């Protein structure tokens, strides 16, 4: 639950919200895996201010905790509302009572709140609002012991939440040392992998309002962001991409990144942590839409979502044999299309006279496919543009081909859900996924159902070949014929 209170004529009005699982009702708020608790406080504040235009104070529950408005009103009791934070005995914030003008004038400063440390957030809010804030300790306990699976889905036991406190400490230090802090830009820390960086860059072009000016991105993916023509200025982070094997926590990576960016950057930017603070596959929303909410868009209408907007494919020049570009490696074994199926698929299409190129798979050269490489976004763009069709597993090249170049594309999903990583409906786009109940699978070290490294939920070669030949006929008028 997400909850808050507004005040009128000495009375507290209760308001409960919930994370949307696909609907856009008045009491539902878009569920974004990449948005901080502060972003949710901002959104709740917007809703409460609209519901009660006469309320000078707005009370917002800590989004990390599964609370409801009845509990909040009981904890507030007979206290006269004033700028304060109600906290448990360990200092965990429970309820923020904020001046309405914070929502109207400095709302994006709420993105920097820790939602973990009442004293830290009190000091930060006091400087932002220019008024005294107090901490009221409630005689309740246990709120600091995060359950492994909370009622509202935050990844509470994960160390990455410590990044929220660090971002609040940096924001406090900036405000304390810089009289011009209100003019300093906001930078979203979302540098991890190429697909993540691409979704944020694309979302920045449609998010309204846009709360950030900059996007922190690894050197390896800066060209990916620039290829999307984003509204955010890329900030180059000179670190290797975060490893996928869990050897480095997201919190430690954030610490390392801030150290790498250096004190001058930290004292001239408000840096906001992003990246999977909730499980993204719980909802039917695309990660592009998750990013759009994170960037500031309320995402309160279905028409705002990516799937609402069909797009016409961009076709390569016709003539000659069908040229198809394959990307079959998904970053780890379980997201890679099984080798034997790949070999069978290539053989089927080669028998029809198709020319197949395969990204970064020299081991498939003996099938007649041509191995190609794309070490950067420009090289990948050139390869996509040189082919009629693209076939890819759930990974950056797929998203780049389908969302940026809009090349006719068939997407392969086995362990991940299309709806979270898909493309808008189009005659030039089709997603294929198996029907096993294990999707979405969270494993990265082998199939927990069948054993082995391969995902058994991928569509077989015949189904993929059928989809590709139908796509060629639908978009180019190429009719399959034996070589």
Protein backbone atom coordinates (compact mmCIF):
# COMPACT_ATOMS: atom_id res chain seq x y z
CA UNK A 1 0.00 0.00 0.00
CA UNK A 2 0.90 3.63 -0.53
CA UNK A 3 -0.82 6.10 1.73
CA UNK A 4 -1.10 9.68 2.92
CA UNK A 5 -3.16 12.26 4.79
CA UNK A 6 -4.40 15.75 4.00
CA UNK A 7 -5.67 18.21 6.58
CA UNK A 8 -8.68 20.52 6.52
CA UNK A 9 -10.65 22.18 9.34
CA UNK A 10 -8.61 20.33 11.96
CA UNK A 11 -9.45 16.97 10.45
CA UNK A 12 -7.18 14.44 8.76
CA UNK A 13 -8.53 12.98 5.54
CA UNK A 14 -7.19 9.52 4.73
CA UNK A 15 -5.99 8.46 1.28
CA UNK A 16 -4.87 4.99 0.24
CA UNK A 17 -3.21 4.06 -3.03
CA UNK A 18 -1.77 0.88 -4.44
CA UNK A 19 0.76 -0.05 -7.07
CA UNK A 20 -0.92 -0.55 -10.43
CA UNK A 21 -0.73 -4.03 -11.93
CA UNK A 22 -2.02 -2.85 -15.28
CA UNK A 23 -4.98 -0.58 -14.59
CA UNK A 24 -4.97 3.21 -14.35
CA UNK A 25 -7.60 3.87 -11.70
CA UNK A 26 -7.57 6.98 -9.52
CA UNK A 27 -6.29 5.03 -6.49
CA UNK A 28 -3.47 3.30 -8.42
CA UNK A 29 0.05 4.56 -9.01
CA UNK A 30 2.28 3.25 -11.77
CA UNK A 31 4.68 0.55 -10.58
CA UNK A 32 8.26 1.29 -11.63
CA UNK A 33 11.13 -0.99 -10.64
CA UNK A 34 13.65 1.81 -11.13
CA UNK A 35 11.97 4.62 -9.16
CA UNK A 36 13.22 5.49 -5.67
CA UNK A 37 10.94 5.80 -2.62
CA UNK A 38 11.42 9.57 -2.97
CA UNK A 39 9.91 9.42 -6.46
CA UNK A 40 6.87 7.70 -4.98
CA UNK A 41 6.60 10.30 -2.22
CA UNK A 42 6.63 12.96 -4.92
CA UNK A 43 3.87 11.17 -6.87
CA UNK A 44 1.72 10.65 -3.77
CA UNK A 45 2.27 14.31 -2.90
CA UNK A 46 1.07 15.35 -6.35
CA UNK A 47 -2.08 13.25 -5.96
CA UNK A 48 -2.82 14.55 -2.45
CA UNK A 49 -2.28 18.18 -3.45
CA UNK A 50 -4.75 17.74 -6.31
CA UNK A 51 -7.32 16.07 -4.06
CA UNK A 52 -7.19 18.76 -1.39
CA UNK A 53 -6.17 22.14 -2.82
CA UNK A 54 -6.70 23.89 0.53
CA UNK A 55 -4.37 21.76 2.63
CA UNK A 56 -1.16 23.55 3.68
CA UNK A 57 0.40 20.32 4.97
CA UNK A 58 0.52 16.92 3.31
CA UNK A 59 1.46 13.70 5.09
CA UNK A 60 3.02 10.87 3.09
CA UNK A 61 3.77 7.36 4.35
CA UNK A 62 7.21 5.90 3.76
CA UNK A 63 6.70 3.92 0.52
CA UNK A 64 9.17 1.25 1.69
CA UNK A 65 6.70 0.15 4.35
CA UNK A 66 3.34 -1.53 3.68
CA UNK A 67 1.20 1.01 5.54
CA UNK A 68 -2.34 2.28 5.19
CA UNK A 69 -3.92 5.64 5.98
CA UNK A 70 -5.85 4.32 8.98
CA UNK A 71 -2.57 3.32 10.66
CA UNK A 72 -1.08 6.72 9.86
CA UNK A 73 -4.00 8.59 11.39
CA UNK A 74 -3.80 6.44 14.52
CA UNK A 75 -0.05 7.06 14.90
CA UNK A 76 -0.51 10.79 14.38
CA UNK A 77 -3.21 10.78 17.05
CA UNK A 78 -4.02 14.15 18.60
CA UNK A 79 -0.74 15.78 17.53
CA UNK A 80 -1.21 19.05 15.70
CA UNK A 81 0.31 18.50 12.26
CA UNK A 82 3.48 20.47 11.54
CA UNK A 83 6.61 19.81 9.47
CA UNK A 84 7.92 16.60 11.03
CA UNK A 85 8.84 12.98 10.48
CA UNK A 86 7.30 10.26 12.59
CA UNK A 87 9.82 7.47 13.09
CA UNK A 88 10.15 4.21 14.96
CA UNK A 89 12.60 3.68 17.81
CA UNK A 90 15.42 2.81 15.39
CA UNK A 91 14.98 6.03 13.40
CA UNK A 92 13.18 4.49 10.44
CA UNK A 93 10.83 7.11 8.91
CA UNK A 94 7.18 6.15 8.99
CA UNK A 95 5.32 9.33 8.06
CA UNK A 96 6.55 12.55 6.46
CA UNK A 97 4.46 15.67 7.17
CA UNK A 98 5.52 18.19 4.55
CA UNK A 99 4.62 21.77 3.63
CA UNK A 100 2.49 21.87 0.52
CA UNK A 101 4.91 24.34 -1.07
CA UNK A 102 7.54 21.59 -1.22
CA UNK A 103 5.29 19.77 -3.67
CA UNK A 104 4.63 22.91 -5.67
CA UNK A 105 8.08 24.53 -5.69
CA UNK A 106 10.84 22.02 -4.90
CA UNK A 107 9.18 18.67 -5.53
CA UNK A 108 12.11 17.04 -7.27
CA UNK A 109 14.22 17.47 -4.15
CA UNK A 110 12.12 14.65 -2.73
CA UNK A 111 13.95 12.30 -5.09
CA UNK A 112 17.01 12.63 -2.83
CA UNK A 113 15.34 11.45 0.39
CA UNK A 114 16.74 8.30 1.96
CA UNK A 115 13.46 6.86 3.34
CA UNK A 116 15.80 5.04 5.76
CA UNK A 117 17.10 7.65 8.21
CA UNK A 118 14.69 10.11 9.85
CA UNK A 119 17.41 12.44 11.17
CA UNK A 120 19.14 12.63 7.80
CA UNK A 121 15.90 13.31 5.96
CA UNK A 122 14.87 15.89 8.59
CA UNK A 123 18.11 17.82 8.08
CA UNK A 124 17.68 17.66 4.31
CA UNK A 125 14.04 18.76 4.35
CA UNK A 126 14.77 21.58 6.79
CA UNK A 127 17.28 23.14 4.40
CA UNK A 128 15.10 22.58 1.33
CA UNK A 129 11.97 24.07 2.91
CA UNK A 130 13.72 26.71 5.03
CA UNK A 131 11.70 25.74 8.07
CA UNK A 132 12.21 23.69 11.18
CA UNK A 133 11.51 19.96 11.01
CA UNK A 134 11.29 17.70 14.01
CA UNK A 135 11.52 13.95 14.49
CA UNK A 136 8.81 12.37 16.61
CA UNK A 137 9.66 8.89 17.86
CA UNK A 138 6.75 6.49 18.11
CA UNK A 139 6.50 3.66 20.58
CA UNK A 140 6.53 1.06 17.84
CA UNK A 141 9.26 -1.39 16.96
CA UNK A 142 10.31 -3.81 14.30
CA UNK A 143 9.92 -1.51 11.31
CA UNK A 144 13.69 -1.45 10.87
CA UNK A 145 13.77 -5.24 10.37
CA UNK A 146 12.82 -5.41 6.71
CA UNK A 147 10.94 -8.58 5.80
CA UNK A 148 12.45 -10.67 3.03
CA UNK A 149 9.24 -10.21 1.03
CA UNK A 150 7.38 -7.06 1.95
CA UNK A 151 3.73 -6.35 1.28
CA UNK A 152 4.62 -3.80 -1.37
CA UNK A 153 7.38 -5.62 -3.18
CA UNK A 154 10.51 -3.57 -2.46
CA UNK A 155 13.76 -5.51 -2.51
CA UNK A 156 14.15 -4.75 1.16
CA UNK A 157 16.92 -7.15 2.18
CA UNK A 158 19.11 -6.09 -0.71
CA UNK A 159 22.15 -3.98 0.12
CA UNK A 160 21.34 -1.68 -2.79
CA UNK A 161 18.95 0.25 -0.50
CA UNK A 162 22.01 1.68 1.25
CA UNK A 163 22.53 3.74 -1.89
CA UNK A 164 19.46 5.78 -0.89
CA UNK A 165 21.15 6.97 2.27
CA UNK A 166 24.32 7.82 0.39
CA UNK A 167 22.42 9.89 -2.19
CA UNK A 168 20.70 11.79 0.65
CA UNK A 169 24.03 12.48 2.36
CA UNK A 170 25.46 13.85 -0.87
CA UNK A 171 22.41 16.05 -1.44
CA UNK A 172 22.69 17.43 2.11
CA UNK A 173 26.39 18.21 1.65
CA UNK A 174 25.71 19.99 -1.66
CA UNK A 175 22.99 22.19 -0.16
CA UNK A 176 25.14 23.01 2.89
CA UNK A 177 28.08 24.16 0.77
CA UNK A 178 26.49 25.72 -2.32
CA UNK A 179 24.19 28.77 -2.01
CA UNK A 180 23.13 28.21 -5.63
CA UNK A 181 22.05 24.60 -5.02
CA UNK A 182 18.61 25.12 -6.54
CA UNK A 183 20.23 25.67 -9.93
CA UNK A 184 22.26 22.46 -9.82
CA UNK A 185 21.28 19.69 -12.27
CA UNK A 186 19.86 16.29 -11.39
CA UNK A 187 21.64 13.23 -12.75
CA UNK A 188 20.04 9.77 -12.84
CA UNK A 189 22.47 7.00 -11.94
CA UNK A 190 21.47 4.24 -14.34
CA UNK A 191 24.67 3.11 -16.07
CA UNK A 192 24.56 -0.65 -15.77
CA UNK A 193 23.97 -2.39 -19.10
CA UNK A 194 23.34 -1.31 -22.68
CA UNK A 195 19.63 -2.16 -22.69
CA UNK A 196 19.03 -0.29 -19.42
CA UNK A 197 20.86 2.78 -20.71
CA UNK A 198 18.90 2.66 -23.97
CA UNK A 199 15.49 2.48 -22.25
CA UNK A 200 16.28 5.54 -20.10
CA UNK A 201 17.55 7.48 -23.12
CA UNK A 202 14.43 6.67 -25.14
CA UNK A 203 12.12 7.43 -22.21
CA UNK A 204 13.69 10.86 -21.75
CA UNK A 205 12.28 11.88 -25.12
CA UNK A 206 8.66 11.46 -24.01
CA UNK A 207 8.65 11.91 -20.20
CA UNK A 208 6.64 14.96 -19.12
CA UNK A 209 7.65 16.53 -16.83
CA UNK A 210 11.32 15.57 -17.03
CA UNK A 211 12.93 15.86 -13.59
CA UNK A 212 16.52 15.20 -14.69
CA UNK A 213 19.04 16.92 -16.91
CA UNK A 214 21.67 14.19 -17.09
CA UNK A 215 22.08 10.41 -17.29
CA UNK A 216 25.16 8.75 -15.81
CA UNK A 217 26.26 5.95 -18.13
CA UNK A 218 29.29 3.68 -18.44
CA UNK A 219 31.87 4.55 -21.05
CA UNK A 220 31.04 1.32 -22.88
CA UNK A 221 27.44 2.44 -23.44
CA UNK A 222 27.78 6.18 -23.96
CA UNK A 223 27.49 5.72 -27.72
CA UNK A 224 24.30 3.70 -27.19
CA UNK A 225 22.70 6.60 -25.35
CA UNK A 226 23.86 9.13 -27.92
CA UNK A 227 22.46 6.98 -30.76
CA UNK A 228 18.99 7.33 -29.21
CA UNK A 229 19.13 11.18 -29.41
CA UNK A 230 18.04 11.60 -25.77
CA UNK A 231 16.99 14.78 -24.00
CA UNK A 232 19.36 13.94 -21.13
CA UNK A 233 23.04 14.80 -21.36
CA UNK A 234 25.13 11.64 -21.01
CA UNK A 235 27.68 11.75 -18.17
CA UNK A 236 30.49 9.31 -18.88
CA UNK A 237 31.33 6.97 -16.02
CA UNK A 238 34.82 5.60 -16.58
CA UNK A 239 34.20 2.21 -15.01
CA UNK A 240 33.70 -1.21 -16.59
CA UNK A 241 30.05 -2.27 -16.81
CA UNK A 242 28.70 -3.87 -13.67
CA UNK A 243 29.38 -7.63 -13.72
CA UNK A 244 26.33 -9.85 -14.16
CA UNK A 245 27.60 -12.65 -11.92
CA UNK A 246 26.74 -10.98 -8.61
CA UNK A 247 30.38 -10.51 -7.64
CA UNK A 248 29.78 -6.80 -7.02
CA UNK A 249 26.70 -5.42 -5.25
CA UNK A 250 24.81 -2.51 -6.79
CA UNK A 251 25.47 -0.50 -3.65
CA UNK A 252 29.24 -1.06 -3.92
CA UNK A 253 29.10 -0.19 -7.61
CA UNK A 254 27.31 3.06 -6.71
CA UNK A 255 29.99 3.87 -4.14
CA UNK A 256 32.74 3.15 -6.66
CA UNK A 257 30.97 5.25 -9.28
CA UNK A 258 30.65 8.29 -7.01
CA UNK A 259 34.33 7.99 -6.11
CA UNK A 260 35.16 7.80 -9.83
CA UNK A 261 32.99 10.78 -10.73
CA UNK A 262 34.88 12.70 -8.08
CA UNK A 263 34.17 15.42 -5.50
CA UNK A 264 33.66 18.20 -8.06
CA UNK A 265 30.83 16.29 -9.72
CA UNK A 266 29.29 15.27 -6.39
CA UNK A 267 29.24 18.87 -5.14
CA UNK A 268 27.68 20.22 -8.33
CA UNK A 269 25.00 17.58 -9.09
CA UNK A 270 22.16 15.89 -7.29
CA UNK A 271 22.74 12.23 -8.10
CA UNK A 272 19.72 9.92 -7.78
CA UNK A 273 20.13 6.15 -7.62
CA UNK A 274 18.17 4.05 -10.08
CA UNK A 275 17.92 0.40 -11.16
CA UNK A 276 15.60 -2.31 -9.87
CA UNK A 277 14.48 -1.41 -6.38
CA UNK A 278 11.41 -3.54 -7.11
CA UNK A 279 10.91 -6.70 -9.18
CA UNK A 280 10.07 -5.42 -12.65
CA UNK A 281 8.41 -8.60 -13.95
CA UNK A 282 5.55 -8.40 -11.43
CA UNK A 283 3.76 -5.94 -13.72
CA UNK A 284 2.77 -5.83 -17.41
CA UNK A 285 4.73 -2.65 -18.01
CA UNK A 286 7.71 -2.26 -20.31
CA UNK A 287 11.01 -1.18 -18.77
CA UNK A 288 10.84 1.87 -21.02
CA UNK A 289 7.69 2.87 -19.10
CA UNK A 290 9.38 2.11 -15.77
CA UNK A 291 12.12 4.53 -16.79
CA UNK A 292 9.63 7.15 -17.95
CA UNK A 293 7.96 7.17 -14.51
CA UNK A 294 11.38 7.34 -12.83
CA UNK A 295 12.22 10.40 -14.93
CA UNK A 296 9.11 12.24 -13.72
CA UNK A 297 6.13 11.30 -15.88
CA UNK A 298 3.07 10.37 -13.77
CA UNK A 299 2.20 7.54 -16.20
CA UNK A 300 -1.43 7.84 -15.16
CA UNK A 301 -3.03 7.05 -18.52
CA UNK A 302 -2.80 3.93 -20.63
CA UNK A 303 -2.08 6.15 -23.62
CA UNK A 304 1.28 7.03 -22.04
CA UNK A 305 2.60 3.49 -22.26
CA UNK A 306 4.87 2.24 -25.01
CA UNK A 307 2.44 -0.43 -26.19
CA UNK A 308 -0.22 2.15 -26.97
CA UNK A 309 1.86 3.54 -29.82
CA UNK A 310 2.14 1.37 -32.90
CA UNK A 311 4.99 2.20 -35.24
CA UNK A 312 5.53 1.42 -38.89
CA UNK A 313 8.64 -0.62 -39.67
CA UNK A 314 11.53 0.93 -41.57
CA UNK A 315 12.42 -1.32 -44.45
CA UNK A 316 15.78 -2.00 -46.05
CA UNK A 317 16.04 -1.75 -49.84
CA UNK A 318 14.48 -4.81 -51.44
CA UNK A 319 15.86 -7.07 -54.13
CA UNK A 320 18.21 -10.02 -54.01
CA UNK A 321 18.06 -12.79 -51.42
CA UNK A 322 16.63 -12.15 -47.96
CA UNK A 323 19.36 -10.92 -45.61
CA UNK A 324 18.73 -11.63 -41.93
CA UNK A 325 20.88 -10.58 -38.96
CA UNK A 326 20.79 -12.84 -35.89
CA UNK A 327 21.81 -12.07 -32.32
CA UNK A 328 21.48 -15.22 -30.22
CA UNK A 329 23.55 -14.49 -27.08
CA UNK A 330 21.67 -12.98 -24.17
CA UNK A 331 24.43 -12.16 -21.70
CA UNK A 332 24.36 -15.50 -19.89
CA UNK A 333 23.70 -19.09 -20.91
CA UNK A 334 20.03 -19.23 -19.97
CA UNK A 335 19.23 -16.23 -22.19
CA UNK A 336 21.15 -17.66 -25.17
CA UNK A 337 19.17 -19.46 -27.86
CA UNK A 338 20.13 -23.15 -27.73
CA UNK A 339 22.91 -24.01 -30.17
CA UNK A 340 21.29 -27.04 -31.77
CA UNK A 341 18.08 -25.09 -32.42
CA UNK A 342 20.16 -22.25 -33.89
CA UNK A 343 21.93 -24.64 -36.25
CA UNK A 344 18.65 -26.19 -37.38
CA UNK A 345 17.11 -22.74 -37.91
CA UNK A 346 20.03 -21.49 -40.00
CA UNK A 347 19.92 -24.66 -42.09
CA UNK A 348 16.20 -24.22 -42.80
CA UNK A 349 16.59 -20.63 -43.92
CA UNK A 350 19.74 -21.29 -45.93
CA UNK A 351 17.80 -23.95 -47.83
CA UNK A 352 15.39 -21.18 -48.89
CA UNK A 353 18.26 -19.11 -50.24
CA UNK A 354 18.46 -16.70 -47.31
CA UNK A 355 21.72 -15.03 -46.34
CA UNK A 356 22.26 -15.21 -42.58
CA UNK A 357 24.70 -13.12 -40.56
CA UNK A 358 25.25 -13.91 -36.87
CA UNK A 359 26.61 -11.41 -34.33
CA UNK A 360 29.57 -12.66 -32.27
CA UNK A 361 29.11 -16.37 -33.04
CA UNK A 362 32.10 -17.59 -35.07
CA UNK A 363 31.25 -21.12 -33.92
CA UNK A 364 28.24 -21.07 -36.27
CA UNK A 365 30.30 -20.35 -39.38
CA UNK A 366 30.15 -24.02 -40.43
CA UNK A 367 26.36 -23.66 -40.92
CA UNK A 368 26.91 -21.19 -43.76
CA UNK A 369 26.06 -18.20 -41.58
CA UNK A 370 28.49 -15.27 -41.78
CA UNK A 371 29.96 -14.25 -38.40
CA UNK A 372 29.96 -10.46 -37.92
CA UNK A 373 30.87 -8.22 -35.00
CA UNK A 374 29.57 -4.89 -33.75
CA UNK A 375 31.90 -3.46 -31.10
CA UNK A 376 29.95 -0.22 -30.81
CA UNK A 377 26.54 1.29 -31.54
CA UNK A 378 27.61 2.69 -34.91
CA UNK A 379 28.83 -0.72 -36.09
CA UNK A 380 25.63 -2.40 -34.88
CA UNK A 381 23.54 0.26 -36.62
CA UNK A 382 25.41 -0.40 -39.86
CA UNK A 383 24.80 -4.14 -39.59
CA UNK A 384 21.09 -3.67 -38.89
CA UNK A 385 20.72 -1.31 -41.83
CA UNK A 386 22.48 -3.78 -44.14
CA UNK A 387 19.88 -6.51 -43.48
CA UNK A 388 16.19 -6.92 -44.22
CA UNK A 389 15.26 -8.64 -40.95
CA UNK A 390 16.55 -8.94 -37.41
CA UNK A 391 16.20 -11.94 -35.08
CA UNK A 392 17.31 -11.55 -31.49
CA UNK A 393 17.03 -12.76 -27.92
CA UNK A 394 16.13 -10.37 -25.09
CA UNK A 395 19.22 -8.18 -25.10
CA UNK A 396 20.41 -4.74 -26.20
CA UNK A 397 20.81 -5.49 -29.95
CA UNK A 398 17.16 -6.60 -30.09
CA UNK A 399 15.94 -3.39 -28.43
CA UNK A 400 18.21 -1.28 -30.63
CA UNK A 401 16.93 -2.94 -33.80
CA UNK A 402 13.24 -2.87 -32.82
CA UNK A 403 12.94 0.47 -30.98
CA UNK A 404 15.58 2.69 -32.59
CA UNK A 405 15.95 1.35 -36.15
CA UNK A 406 12.49 -0.23 -36.35
CA UNK A 407 13.83 -2.92 -38.66
CA UNK A 408 11.34 -5.81 -39.11
CA UNK A 409 12.15 -7.96 -36.09
CA UNK A 410 11.32 -11.31 -34.56
CA UNK A 411 12.15 -11.44 -30.84
CA UNK A 412 12.91 -14.64 -28.92
CA UNK A 413 11.96 -14.93 -25.24
CA UNK A 414 12.48 -17.94 -23.02
CA UNK A 415 13.32 -17.02 -19.44
CA UNK A 416 12.07 -13.41 -19.58
CA UNK A 417 8.65 -12.00 -20.45
CA UNK A 418 8.06 -10.16 -23.72
CA UNK A 419 5.71 -7.66 -22.09
CA UNK A 420 8.53 -6.19 -19.99
CA UNK A 421 11.08 -5.95 -22.84
CA UNK A 422 8.97 -5.88 -25.98
CA UNK A 423 8.31 -3.36 -28.77
CA UNK A 424 5.05 -1.65 -29.73
CA UNK A 425 2.60 -3.54 -31.95
CA UNK A 426 3.59 -3.39 -35.60
CA UNK A 427 3.41 -5.47 -38.77
CA UNK A 428 7.20 -5.47 -38.50
CA UNK A 429 7.49 -6.87 -34.98
CA UNK A 430 6.65 -10.26 -33.49
CA UNK A 431 7.61 -11.79 -30.16
CA UNK A 432 7.90 -15.56 -29.72
CA UNK A 433 7.94 -17.20 -26.29
CA UNK A 434 7.33 -20.69 -24.97
CA UNK A 435 4.32 -21.57 -22.84
CA UNK A 436 5.99 -23.14 -19.80
CA UNK A 437 4.86 -21.79 -16.40
CA UNK A 438 8.46 -21.11 -15.35
CA UNK A 439 8.54 -17.85 -17.30
CA UNK A 440 9.65 -15.48 -15.76
CA UNK A 441 12.66 -17.46 -14.47
CA UNK A 442 15.11 -15.74 -12.12
CA UNK A 443 17.89 -18.27 -12.58
CA UNK A 444 21.22 -17.28 -14.11
CA UNK A 445 23.09 -20.52 -13.47
CA UNK A 446 21.13 -23.14 -15.38
CA UNK A 447 17.59 -24.31 -15.96
CA UNK A 448 15.94 -25.20 -12.63
CA UNK A 449 13.29 -27.31 -14.39
CA UNK A 450 15.17 -29.41 -16.95
CA UNK A 451 18.75 -28.97 -15.79
CA UNK A 452 21.57 -27.93 -18.07
CA UNK A 453 22.48 -24.48 -19.32
CA UNK A 454 19.84 -24.12 -22.05
CA UNK A 455 16.42 -22.59 -21.53
CA UNK A 456 13.83 -25.15 -22.66
CA UNK A 457 11.16 -22.47 -23.00
CA UNK A 458 12.51 -20.99 -26.22
CA UNK A 459 10.39 -21.59 -29.36
CA UNK A 460 11.80 -24.31 -31.58
CA UNK A 461 13.54 -23.72 -34.90
CA UNK A 462 10.51 -24.51 -37.05
CA UNK A 463 8.32 -21.96 -35.24
CA UNK A 464 11.04 -19.32 -35.57
CA UNK A 465 11.60 -20.05 -39.27
CA UNK A 466 7.86 -19.83 -39.90
CA UNK A 467 7.67 -16.44 -38.14
CA UNK A 468 10.65 -15.08 -40.06
CA UNK A 469 9.38 -16.17 -43.48
CA UNK A 470 5.95 -14.73 -42.69
CA UNK A 471 7.59 -11.47 -41.60
CA UNK A 472 9.56 -11.32 -44.86
CA UNK A 473 6.40 -11.89 -46.89
CA UNK A 474 4.37 -9.38 -44.86
CA UNK A 475 6.88 -6.54 -44.92
CA UNK A 476 8.80 -7.02 -48.16
CA UNK A 477 6.66 -9.35 -50.22
CA UNK A 478 9.41 -11.96 -50.22
CA UNK A 479 7.80 -15.33 -50.79
CA UNK A 480 9.79 -18.34 -49.50
CA UNK A 481 11.19 -20.54 -52.22
CA UNK A 482 13.68 -23.38 -52.17
CA UNK A 483 17.19 -22.47 -53.22
